[in-house]
Amino acid sequence: MKIIDGKAIASELRLELKEKIEKMERKPGLAVVIVGEDPASRIYVRNKIKACAELGVRSYSYELPTNATQGAVEGLLDELACDSNVDGILLQLPLPKHLDSEAAVSHIPFEKDVDGFSAKNLGLLMQHKEKIVACTPLGVMKLLEREGIELQGKNAVVLGRSETVGKPMAMLLLNANATVTVCHSKTQNLKEICRNADILVSAIGKAKFVTEDMVKQGAVVIDVGINRDEVGKLCGDVDFENVKDKTSFITPVPGGVGPMTITMLMYNTYITACKE
């Protein structure tokens, strides 16, 4: 069993990315838009701006009040879409409840969509022509790649079908020639399906949902979940302590997939600036 150190891999990737950015005549520019006062969102935005400074990416931060109208949000995104200094645009989600996130995201041109959530980028992923991919699933793929984990022909099971993690994760694994099953709340025989997985990726947001009896001996287990357990301690979707000894590779929470997400955001920003 090997615990995958996402923090160390993210650091390696950032160093490589920093070297590439240093060689660029024109540095990438990332605009981050936040609406409202959500504390978690503010922490995420701070971390993203800090990562920009670390890697030499130009960052522009825009804050709109909680009561901002749909028109105000979309108007700002339209302005940024036309701004030649901005290569990537990130709209921090979730938005306040009165706003339509999907409609707002549609105002971000696909070539500046560093989150990979636009309909066109999701469509390109479906066609295996992807350039910009959702940061968390891309981070998972980079972890698997760095650890030399073979995907071709393997049975991969993804728990969760969200458009931000589950669905793009499944498509990336399929594009890497794995045989993929996507499970969700209506799936029957869930334990049996999971027990057949060579690679099990959980992204459902339920603390310690994946138990030892759901995991095949020697499986690779990737935990995307971020939850709190019964005593308020940070944990993933996987019952880590009871599952780890059955695996060949496993990611911890924290310190597994989490550190990769912002690193992949920086990677996507670099890609948008390359204009290849």
C-alpha atoms as a PDB file:
ATOM      1  CA  MET A   1       0.000   0.000   0.000  1.00  0.00           C
ATOM      2  CA  LYS A   2       1.212   3.472  -0.898  1.00  0.00           C
ATOM      3  CA  ILE A   3      -0.377   6.698   0.322  1.00  0.00           C
ATOM      4  CA  ILE A   4      -0.306   9.160  -2.594  1.00  0.00           C
ATOM      5  CA  ASP A   5       1.167  12.467  -1.440  1.00  0.00           C
ATOM      6  CA  GLY A   6      -0.879  15.021  -3.377  1.00  0.00           C
ATOM      7  CA  LYS A   7       0.874  17.906  -1.671  1.00  0.00           C
ATOM      8  CA  ALA A   8       4.322  16.763  -2.862  1.00  0.00           C
ATOM      9  CA  ILE A   9       3.124  16.046  -6.414  1.00  0.00           C
ATOM     10  CA  ALA A  10       1.349  19.422  -6.587  1.00  0.00           C
ATOM     11  CA  SER A  11       4.594  21.132  -5.472  1.00  0.00           C
ATOM     12  CA  GLU A  12       6.572  19.333  -8.211  1.00  0.00           C
ATOM     13  CA  LEU A  13       4.025  20.330 -10.850  1.00  0.00           C
ATOM     14  CA  ARG A  14       4.026  23.952  -9.681  1.00  0.00           C
ATOM     15  CA  LEU A  15       7.806  24.126  -9.972  1.00  0.00           C
ATOM     16  CA  GLU A  16       7.625  22.762 -13.529  1.00  0.00           C
ATOM     17  CA  LEU A  17       4.840  25.211 -14.367  1.00  0.00           C
ATOM     18  CA  LYS A  18       6.725  28.142 -12.856  1.00  0.00           C
ATOM     19  CA  GLU A  19       9.722  27.379 -15.100  1.00  0.00           C
ATOM     20  CA  LYS A  20       7.476  27.364 -18.177  1.00  0.00           C
ATOM     21  CA  ILE A  21       5.797  30.643 -17.189  1.00  0.00           C
ATOM     22  CA  GLU A  22       9.173  32.307 -16.525  1.00  0.00           C
ATOM     23  CA  LYS A  23      10.112  31.616 -20.159  1.00  0.00           C
ATOM     24  CA  MET A  24       6.971  33.291 -21.488  1.00  0.00           C
ATOM     25  CA  GLU A  25       7.371  36.771 -22.902  1.00  0.00           C
ATOM     26  CA  ARG A  26       3.820  37.661 -21.861  1.00  0.00           C
ATOM     27  CA  LYS A  27       2.689  36.217 -18.526  1.00  0.00           C
ATOM     28  CA  PRO A  28      -0.776  34.590 -18.233  1.00  0.00           C
ATOM     29  CA  GLY A  29      -3.571  36.728 -16.768  1.00  0.00           C
ATOM     30  CA  LEU A  30      -6.342  35.274 -14.579  1.00  0.00           C
ATOM     31  CA  ALA A  31      -9.487  37.172 -13.553  1.00  0.00           C
ATOM     32  CA  VAL A  32     -11.314  35.835 -10.487  1.00  0.00           C
ATOM     33  CA  VAL A  33     -14.892  36.961  -9.857  1.00  0.00           C
ATOM     34  CA  ILE A  34     -16.544  36.408  -6.466  1.00  0.00           C
ATOM     35  CA  VAL A  35     -20.123  37.324  -5.616  1.00  0.00           C
ATOM     36  CA  GLY A  36     -21.147  37.671  -1.968  1.00  0.00           C
ATOM     37  CA  GLU A  37     -19.530  36.966   1.384  1.00  0.00           C
ATOM     38  CA  ASP A  38     -19.353  33.152   1.547  1.00  0.00           C
ATOM     39  CA  PRO A  39     -16.376  32.452   3.900  1.00  0.00           C
ATOM     40  CA  ALA A  40     -15.275  29.238   2.150  1.00  0.00           C
ATOM     41  CA  SER A  41     -15.373  30.948  -1.257  1.00  0.00           C
ATOM     42  CA  ARG A  42     -13.285  33.826   0.069  1.00  0.00           C
ATOM     43  CA  ILE A  43     -10.647  31.384   1.364  1.00  0.00           C
ATOM     44  CA  TYR A  44     -10.566  29.622  -2.027  1.00  0.00           C
ATOM     45  CA  VAL A  45     -10.166  32.940  -3.855  1.00  0.00           C
ATOM     46  CA  ARG A  46      -7.342  34.016  -1.514  1.00  0.00           C
ATOM     47  CA  ASN A  47      -5.546  30.731  -2.162  1.00  0.00           C
ATOM     48  CA  LYS A  48      -5.966  31.107  -5.920  1.00  0.00           C
ATOM     49  CA  ILE A  49      -4.553  34.633  -5.910  1.00  0.00           C
ATOM     50  CA  LYS A  50      -1.669  33.451  -3.704  1.00  0.00           C
ATOM     51  CA  ALA A  51      -0.917  30.658  -6.221  1.00  0.00           C
ATOM     52  CA  CYS A  52      -0.899  33.226  -9.043  1.00  0.00           C
ATOM     53  CA  ALA A  53       1.703  35.313  -7.188  1.00  0.00           C
ATOM     54  CA  GLU A  54       3.810  32.219  -6.520  1.00  0.00           C
ATOM     55  CA  LEU A  55       3.893  31.172 -10.191  1.00  0.00           C
ATOM     56  CA  GLY A  56       4.150  34.586 -11.838  1.00  0.00           C
ATOM     57  CA  VAL A  57       0.580  34.697 -13.156  1.00  0.00           C
ATOM     58  CA  ARG A  58      -1.031  38.142 -13.348  1.00  0.00           C
ATOM     59  CA  SER A  59      -4.222  38.093 -11.254  1.00  0.00           C
ATOM     60  CA  TYR A  60      -7.226  40.398 -11.306  1.00  0.00           C
ATOM     61  CA  SER A  61      -9.814  40.124  -8.535  1.00  0.00           C
ATOM     62  CA  TYR A  62     -13.418  41.366  -8.837  1.00  0.00           C
ATOM     63  CA  GLU A  63     -15.855  41.380  -5.915  1.00  0.00           C
ATOM     64  CA  LEU A  64     -19.595  41.882  -6.324  1.00  0.00           C
ATOM     65  CA  PRO A  65     -22.065  42.241  -3.422  1.00  0.00           C
ATOM     66  CA  THR A  66     -24.393  39.422  -2.355  1.00  0.00           C
ATOM     67  CA  ASN A  67     -27.382  41.271  -3.848  1.00  0.00           C
ATOM     68  CA  ALA A  68     -25.715  41.693  -7.268  1.00  0.00           C
ATOM     69  CA  THR A  69     -28.142  41.158 -10.138  1.00  0.00           C
ATOM     70  CA  GLN A  70     -27.797  38.508 -12.845  1.00  0.00           C
ATOM     71  CA  GLY A  71     -27.204  41.343 -15.309  1.00  0.00           C
ATOM     72  CA  ALA A  72     -24.362  42.789 -13.225  1.00  0.00           C
ATOM     73  CA  VAL A  73     -22.565  39.430 -13.003  1.00  0.00           C
ATOM     74  CA  GLU A  74     -23.013  38.658 -16.697  1.00  0.00           C
ATOM     75  CA  GLY A  75     -22.044  42.214 -17.682  1.00  0.00           C
ATOM     76  CA  LEU A  76     -18.749  41.914 -15.797  1.00  0.00           C
ATOM     77  CA  LEU A  77     -18.057  38.526 -17.402  1.00  0.00           C
ATOM     78  CA  ASP A  78     -18.769  40.007 -20.840  1.00  0.00           C
ATOM     79  CA  GLU A  79     -16.250  42.794 -20.161  1.00  0.00           C
ATOM     80  CA  LEU A  80     -13.598  40.298 -19.071  1.00  0.00           C
ATOM     81  CA  ALA A  81     -14.330  38.146 -22.126  1.00  0.00           C
ATOM     82  CA  CYS A  82     -13.291  41.100 -24.314  1.00  0.00           C
ATOM     83  CA  ASP A  83     -10.270  42.099 -22.194  1.00  0.00           C
ATOM     84  CA  SER A  84      -7.043  41.107 -23.983  1.00  0.00           C
ATOM     85  CA  ASN A  85      -5.115  41.206 -20.668  1.00  0.00           C
ATOM     86  CA  VAL A  86      -7.275  38.374 -19.334  1.00  0.00           C
ATOM     87  CA  ASP A  87      -6.482  34.856 -20.573  1.00  0.00           C
ATOM     88  CA  GLY A  88      -8.595  32.972 -18.058  1.00  0.00           C
ATOM     89  CA  ILE A  89     -11.812  33.801 -16.194  1.00  0.00           C
ATOM     90  CA  LEU A  90     -12.905  32.045 -13.028  1.00  0.00           C
ATOM     91  CA  LEU A  91     -16.358  32.631 -11.555  1.00  0.00           C
ATOM     92  CA  GLN A  92     -16.207  31.399  -7.965  1.00  0.00           C
ATOM     93  CA  LEU A  93     -19.099  29.028  -7.251  1.00  0.00           C
ATOM     94  CA  PRO A  94     -21.545  28.641  -5.616  1.00  0.00           C
ATOM     95  CA  LEU A  95     -23.251  31.931  -6.403  1.00  0.00           C
ATOM     96  CA  PRO A  96     -25.925  33.409  -4.095  1.00  0.00           C
ATOM     97  CA  LYS A  97     -29.190  31.477  -4.500  1.00  0.00           C
ATOM     98  CA  HIS A  98     -31.015  34.150  -6.505  1.00  0.00           C
ATOM     99  CA  LEU A  99     -28.477  33.882  -9.333  1.00  0.00           C
ATOM    100  CA  ASP A 100     -28.396  31.367 -12.195  1.00  0.00           C
ATOM    101  CA  SER A 101     -24.892  29.851 -12.252  1.00  0.00           C
ATOM    102  CA  GLU A 102     -25.329  28.019 -15.553  1.00  0.00           C
ATOM    103  CA  ALA A 103     -26.492  31.168 -17.338  1.00  0.00           C
ATOM    104  CA  ALA A 104     -23.604  33.164 -15.858  1.00  0.00           C
ATOM    105  CA  VAL A 105     -20.968  30.567 -16.843  1.00  0.00           C
ATOM    106  CA  SER A 106     -22.281  30.682 -20.418  1.00  0.00           C
ATOM    107  CA  HIS A 107     -20.902  34.249 -20.617  1.00  0.00           C
ATOM    108  CA  ILE A 108     -17.333  32.934 -20.193  1.00  0.00           C
ATOM    109  CA  PRO A 109     -15.838  32.102 -23.627  1.00  0.00           C
ATOM    110  CA  PHE A 110     -14.752  28.450 -23.734  1.00  0.00           C
ATOM    111  CA  GLU A 111     -11.156  29.480 -24.519  1.00  0.00           C
ATOM    112  CA  LYS A 112     -11.043  31.489 -21.253  1.00  0.00           C
ATOM    113  CA  ASP A 113     -12.979  28.942 -19.190  1.00  0.00           C
ATOM    114  CA  VAL A 114     -10.230  27.815 -16.782  1.00  0.00           C
ATOM    115  CA  ASP A 115     -12.729  25.783 -14.717  1.00  0.00           C
ATOM    116  CA  GLY A 116     -13.618  23.656 -17.753  1.00  0.00           C
ATOM    117  CA  PHE A 117     -17.351  23.939 -16.957  1.00  0.00           C
ATOM    118  CA  SER A 118     -18.590  25.495 -20.206  1.00  0.00           C
ATOM    119  CA  ALA A 119     -20.794  23.418 -22.488  1.00  0.00           C
ATOM    120  CA  LYS A 120     -18.187  23.560 -25.257  1.00  0.00           C
ATOM    121  CA  ASN A 121     -15.302  22.382 -23.063  1.00  0.00           C
ATOM    122  CA  LEU A 122     -17.442  19.538 -21.719  1.00  0.00           C
ATOM    123  CA  GLY A 123     -18.363  18.684 -25.321  1.00  0.00           C
ATOM    124  CA  LEU A 124     -14.723  18.690 -26.423  1.00  0.00           C
ATOM    125  CA  LEU A 125     -13.927  16.328 -23.542  1.00  0.00           C
ATOM    126  CA  MET A 126     -16.670  14.016 -24.778  1.00  0.00           C
ATOM    127  CA  GLN A 127     -15.025  14.014 -28.241  1.00  0.00           C
ATOM    128  CA  HIS A 128     -11.565  13.406 -26.712  1.00  0.00           C
ATOM    129  CA  LYS A 129     -10.420  16.782 -28.087  1.00  0.00           C
ATOM    130  CA  GLU A 130     -10.125  18.398 -24.676  1.00  0.00           C
ATOM    131  CA  LYS A 131      -7.789  21.340 -24.022  1.00  0.00           C
ATOM    132  CA  ILE A 132      -9.218  22.692 -20.772  1.00  0.00           C
ATOM    133  CA  VAL A 133     -10.603  20.165 -18.280  1.00  0.00           C
ATOM    134  CA  ALA A 134     -12.280  20.653 -14.887  1.00  0.00           C
ATOM    135  CA  CYS A 135      -9.488  21.115 -12.338  1.00  0.00           C
ATOM    136  CA  THR A 136     -10.290  18.376  -9.803  1.00  0.00           C
ATOM    137  CA  PRO A 137     -10.697  15.477 -12.291  1.00  0.00           C
ATOM    138  CA  LEU A 138      -7.598  16.697 -14.149  1.00  0.00           C
ATOM    139  CA  GLY A 139      -5.740  16.692 -10.834  1.00  0.00           C
ATOM    140  CA  VAL A 140      -6.771  13.075 -10.251  1.00  0.00           C
ATOM    141  CA  MET A 141      -5.438  12.103 -13.700  1.00  0.00           C
ATOM    142  CA  LYS A 142      -2.112  13.819 -12.980  1.00  0.00           C
ATOM    143  CA  LEU A 143      -1.814  11.923  -9.671  1.00  0.00           C
ATOM    144  CA  LEU A 144      -2.434   8.605 -11.435  1.00  0.00           C
ATOM    145  CA  GLU A 145       0.055   9.539 -14.158  1.00  0.00           C
ATOM    146  CA  ARG A 146       2.788  10.565 -11.681  1.00  0.00           C
ATOM    147  CA  GLU A 147       2.390   7.314  -9.774  1.00  0.00           C
ATOM    148  CA  GLY A 148       2.671   5.316 -13.005  1.00  0.00           C
ATOM    149  CA  ILE A 149      -0.730   3.691 -12.521  1.00  0.00           C
ATOM    150  CA  GLU A 150      -1.880   1.879 -15.668  1.00  0.00           C
ATOM    151  CA  LEU A 151      -5.423   2.740 -16.755  1.00  0.00           C
ATOM    152  CA  GLN A 152      -5.780   0.988 -20.096  1.00  0.00           C
ATOM    153  CA  GLY A 153      -8.160  -1.955 -19.869  1.00  0.00           C
ATOM    154  CA  LYS A 154      -8.738  -1.501 -16.139  1.00  0.00           C
ATOM    155  CA  ASN A 155     -12.166  -1.446 -14.484  1.00  0.00           C
ATOM    156  CA  ALA A 156     -12.723   2.065 -13.130  1.00  0.00           C
ATOM    157  CA  VAL A 157     -15.699   2.997 -10.955  1.00  0.00           C
ATOM    158  CA  VAL A 158     -16.650   6.631 -10.315  1.00  0.00           C
ATOM    159  CA  LEU A 159     -19.001   7.357  -7.420  1.00  0.00           C
ATOM    160  CA  GLY A 160     -20.892  10.561  -8.247  1.00  0.00           C
ATOM    161  CA  ARG A 161     -22.186  12.099 -11.471  1.00  0.00           C
ATOM    162  CA  SER A 162     -21.786  15.849 -10.948  1.00  0.00           C
ATOM    163  CA  GLU A 163     -20.860  17.962 -13.956  1.00  0.00           C
ATOM    164  CA  THR A 164     -17.910  19.423 -12.025  1.00  0.00           C
ATOM    165  CA  VAL A 165     -16.262  16.139 -10.958  1.00  0.00           C
ATOM    166  CA  GLY A 166     -18.080  12.857 -11.598  1.00  0.00           C
ATOM    167  CA  LYS A 167     -18.952  13.159 -15.292  1.00  0.00           C
ATOM    168  CA  PRO A 168     -15.651  14.725 -16.471  1.00  0.00           C
ATOM    169  CA  MET A 169     -13.761  12.206 -14.304  1.00  0.00           C
ATOM    170  CA  ALA A 170     -15.547   9.339 -16.029  1.00  0.00           C
ATOM    171  CA  MET A 171     -14.819  10.780 -19.485  1.00  0.00           C
ATOM    172  CA  LEU A 172     -11.114  11.272 -18.712  1.00  0.00           C
ATOM    173  CA  LEU A 173     -10.822   7.660 -17.556  1.00  0.00           C
ATOM    174  CA  LEU A 174     -12.730   6.477 -20.627  1.00  0.00           C
ATOM    175  CA  ASN A 175     -10.445   8.544 -22.872  1.00  0.00           C
ATOM    176  CA  ALA A 176      -7.502   6.793 -21.173  1.00  0.00           C
ATOM    177  CA  ASN A 177      -9.013   3.452 -22.295  1.00  0.00           C
ATOM    178  CA  ALA A 178     -10.326   2.331 -18.922  1.00  0.00           C
ATOM    179  CA  THR A 179     -13.701   0.558 -18.742  1.00  0.00           C
ATOM    180  CA  VAL A 180     -15.816   2.951 -16.715  1.00  0.00           C
ATOM    181  CA  THR A 181     -18.905   2.540 -14.542  1.00  0.00           C
ATOM    182  CA  VAL A 182     -20.560   5.634 -13.034  1.00  0.00           C
ATOM    183  CA  CYS A 183     -22.530   5.040  -9.834  1.00  0.00           C
ATOM    184  CA  HIS A 184     -25.043   7.345  -8.140  1.00  0.00           C
ATOM    185  CA  SER A 185     -27.874   7.385  -5.607  1.00  0.00           C
ATOM    186  CA  LYS A 186     -30.101   5.172  -7.787  1.00  0.00           C
ATOM    187  CA  THR A 187     -27.436   2.535  -8.518  1.00  0.00           C
ATOM    188  CA  GLN A 188     -28.312  -1.034  -7.512  1.00  0.00           C
ATOM    189  CA  ASN A 189     -25.749  -3.565  -6.216  1.00  0.00           C
ATOM    190  CA  LEU A 190     -23.349  -0.719  -5.396  1.00  0.00           C
ATOM    191  CA  LYS A 191     -21.028  -2.759  -3.170  1.00  0.00           C
ATOM    192  CA  GLU A 192     -20.697  -5.482  -5.789  1.00  0.00           C
ATOM    193  CA  ILE A 193     -19.848  -2.943  -8.510  1.00  0.00           C
ATOM    194  CA  CYS A 194     -17.251  -1.232  -6.287  1.00  0.00           C
ATOM    195  CA  ARG A 195     -15.665  -4.585  -5.359  1.00  0.00           C
ATOM    196  CA  ASN A 196     -14.915  -5.170  -9.065  1.00  0.00           C
ATOM    197  CA  ALA A 197     -13.078  -1.845  -9.436  1.00  0.00           C
ATOM    198  CA  ASP A 198      -9.348  -1.780 -10.122  1.00  0.00           C
ATOM    199  CA  ILE A 199      -9.595   2.004  -9.726  1.00  0.00           C
ATOM    200  CA  LEU A 200     -12.252   3.504  -7.452  1.00  0.00           C
ATOM    201  CA  VAL A 201     -12.834   7.270  -7.457  1.00  0.00           C
ATOM    202  CA  SER A 202     -15.294   8.630  -4.904  1.00  0.00           C
ATOM    203  CA  ALA A 203     -16.794  12.102  -5.331  1.00  0.00           C
ATOM    204  CA  ILE A 204     -20.129  11.990  -3.498  1.00  0.00           C
ATOM    205  CA  GLY A 205     -19.540  14.107  -0.381  1.00  0.00           C
ATOM    206  CA  LYS A 206     -20.551  11.515   2.241  1.00  0.00           C
ATOM    207  CA  ALA A 207     -18.148  11.039   5.150  1.00  0.00           C
ATOM    208  CA  LYS A 208     -16.536   7.569   5.280  1.00  0.00           C
ATOM    209  CA  PHE A 209     -19.133   6.168   2.862  1.00  0.00           C
ATOM    210  CA  VAL A 210     -16.678   3.783   1.162  1.00  0.00           C
ATOM    211  CA  THR A 211     -16.033   0.952   3.601  1.00  0.00           C
ATOM    212  CA  GLU A 212     -13.533  -1.910   3.578  1.00  0.00           C
ATOM    213  CA  ASP A 213     -16.076  -4.403   2.218  1.00  0.00           C
ATOM    214  CA  MET A 214     -16.600  -2.235  -0.889  1.00  0.00           C
ATOM    215  CA  VAL A 215     -12.950  -2.347  -1.957  1.00  0.00           C
ATOM    216  CA  LYS A 216     -11.181  -5.006  -4.015  1.00  0.00           C
ATOM    217  CA  GLN A 217      -7.825  -6.251  -2.729  1.00  0.00           C
ATOM    218  CA  GLY A 218      -5.067  -4.221  -4.416  1.00  0.00           C
ATOM    219  CA  ALA A 219      -7.393  -1.534  -5.793  1.00  0.00           C
ATOM    220  CA  VAL A 220      -6.356   2.072  -6.375  1.00  0.00           C
ATOM    221  CA  VAL A 221      -8.654   4.300  -4.283  1.00  0.00           C
ATOM    222  CA  ILE A 222      -8.922   8.031  -5.024  1.00  0.00           C
ATOM    223  CA  ASP A 223     -10.907  10.085  -2.511  1.00  0.00           C
ATOM    224  CA  VAL A 224     -12.231  13.398  -3.859  1.00  0.00           C
ATOM    225  CA  GLY A 225     -14.642  14.002  -0.965  1.00  0.00           C
ATOM    226  CA  ILE A 226     -14.150  16.736   1.644  1.00  0.00           C
ATOM    227  CA  ASN A 227     -16.383  16.207   4.669  1.00  0.00           C
ATOM    228  CA  ARG A 228     -16.464  16.434   8.458  1.00  0.00           C
ATOM    229  CA  ASP A 229     -16.791  13.294  10.569  1.00  0.00           C
ATOM    230  CA  GLU A 230     -18.872  12.849  13.734  1.00  0.00           C
ATOM    231  CA  VAL A 231     -16.316  14.796  15.819  1.00  0.00           C
ATOM    232  CA  GLY A 232     -15.883  17.557  13.237  1.00  0.00           C
ATOM    233  CA  LYS A 233     -12.558  16.322  11.866  1.00  0.00           C
ATOM    234  CA  LEU A 234     -11.850  16.742   8.150  1.00  0.00           C
ATOM    235  CA  CYS A 235     -12.272  13.461   6.281  1.00  0.00           C
ATOM    236  CA  GLY A 236     -13.067  12.086   2.843  1.00  0.00           C
ATOM    237  CA  ASP A 237     -15.686   9.779   1.358  1.00  0.00           C
ATOM    238  CA  VAL A 238     -13.476   6.785   2.190  1.00  0.00           C
ATOM    239  CA  ASP A 239     -13.116   5.164   5.603  1.00  0.00           C
ATOM    240  CA  PHE A 240      -9.355   5.641   5.233  1.00  0.00           C
ATOM    241  CA  GLU A 241      -8.056   3.781   8.305  1.00  0.00           C
ATOM    242  CA  ASN A 242     -10.064   0.627   7.587  1.00  0.00           C
ATOM    243  CA  VAL A 243      -9.636   0.687   3.804  1.00  0.00           C
ATOM    244  CA  LYS A 244      -5.976   1.667   3.310  1.00  0.00           C
ATOM    245  CA  ASP A 245      -4.353  -1.726   3.962  1.00  0.00           C
ATOM    246  CA  LYS A 246      -6.478  -3.352   1.279  1.00  0.00           C
ATOM    247  CA  THR A 247      -5.306  -0.946  -1.451  1.00  0.00           C
ATOM    248  CA  SER A 248      -2.234  -0.671  -3.668  1.00  0.00           C
ATOM    249  CA  PHE A 249      -2.554   3.146  -3.754  1.00  0.00           C
ATOM    250  CA  ILE A 250      -4.820   5.481  -1.803  1.00  0.00           C
ATOM    251  CA  THR A 251      -5.180   9.251  -1.420  1.00  0.00           C
ATOM    252  CA  PRO A 252      -5.625  10.753   2.065  1.00  0.00           C
ATOM    253  CA  VAL A 253      -7.947  13.624   3.029  1.00  0.00           C
ATOM    254  CA  PRO A 254      -6.534  16.180   3.535  1.00  0.00           C
ATOM    255  CA  GLY A 255      -3.357  16.093   1.442  1.00  0.00           C
ATOM    256  CA  GLY A 256      -4.460  13.966  -1.497  1.00  0.00           C
ATOM    257  CA  VAL A 257      -6.548  15.358  -4.348  1.00  0.00           C
ATOM    258  CA  GLY A 258      -7.145  18.749  -2.662  1.00  0.00           C
ATOM    259  CA  PRO A 259      -3.705  20.317  -3.283  1.00  0.00           C
ATOM    260  CA  MET A 260      -3.948  19.368  -6.964  1.00  0.00           C
ATOM    261  CA  THR A 261      -7.084  21.412  -7.725  1.00  0.00           C
ATOM    262  CA  ILE A 262      -5.569  24.916  -7.536  1.00  0.00           C
ATOM    263  CA  THR A 263      -2.398  23.646  -9.227  1.00  0.00           C
ATOM    264  CA  MET A 264      -4.552  22.467 -12.148  1.00  0.00           C
ATOM    265  CA  LEU A 265      -6.267  25.857 -12.208  1.00  0.00           C
ATOM    266  CA  MET A 266      -2.824  27.409 -12.700  1.00  0.00           C
ATOM    267  CA  TYR A 267      -2.064  24.822 -15.399  1.00  0.00           C
ATOM    268  CA  ASN A 268      -5.329  25.653 -17.192  1.00  0.00           C
ATOM    269  CA  THR A 269      -4.514  29.377 -16.999  1.00  0.00           C
ATOM    270  CA  TYR A 270      -1.127  28.649 -18.584  1.00  0.00           C
ATOM    271  CA  ILE A 271      -2.854  26.657 -21.359  1.00  0.00           C
ATOM    272  CA  THR A 272      -5.277  29.521 -22.110  1.00  0.00           C
ATOM    273  CA  ALA A 273      -2.345  31.942 -22.413  1.00  0.00           C
ATOM    274  CA  CYS A 274      -0.441  29.679 -24.825  1.00  0.00           C
ATOM    275  CA  LYS A 275      -3.210  30.065 -27.458  1.00  0.00           C
ATOM    276  CA  GLU A 276      -2.005  26.959 -29.224  1.00  0.00           C
END
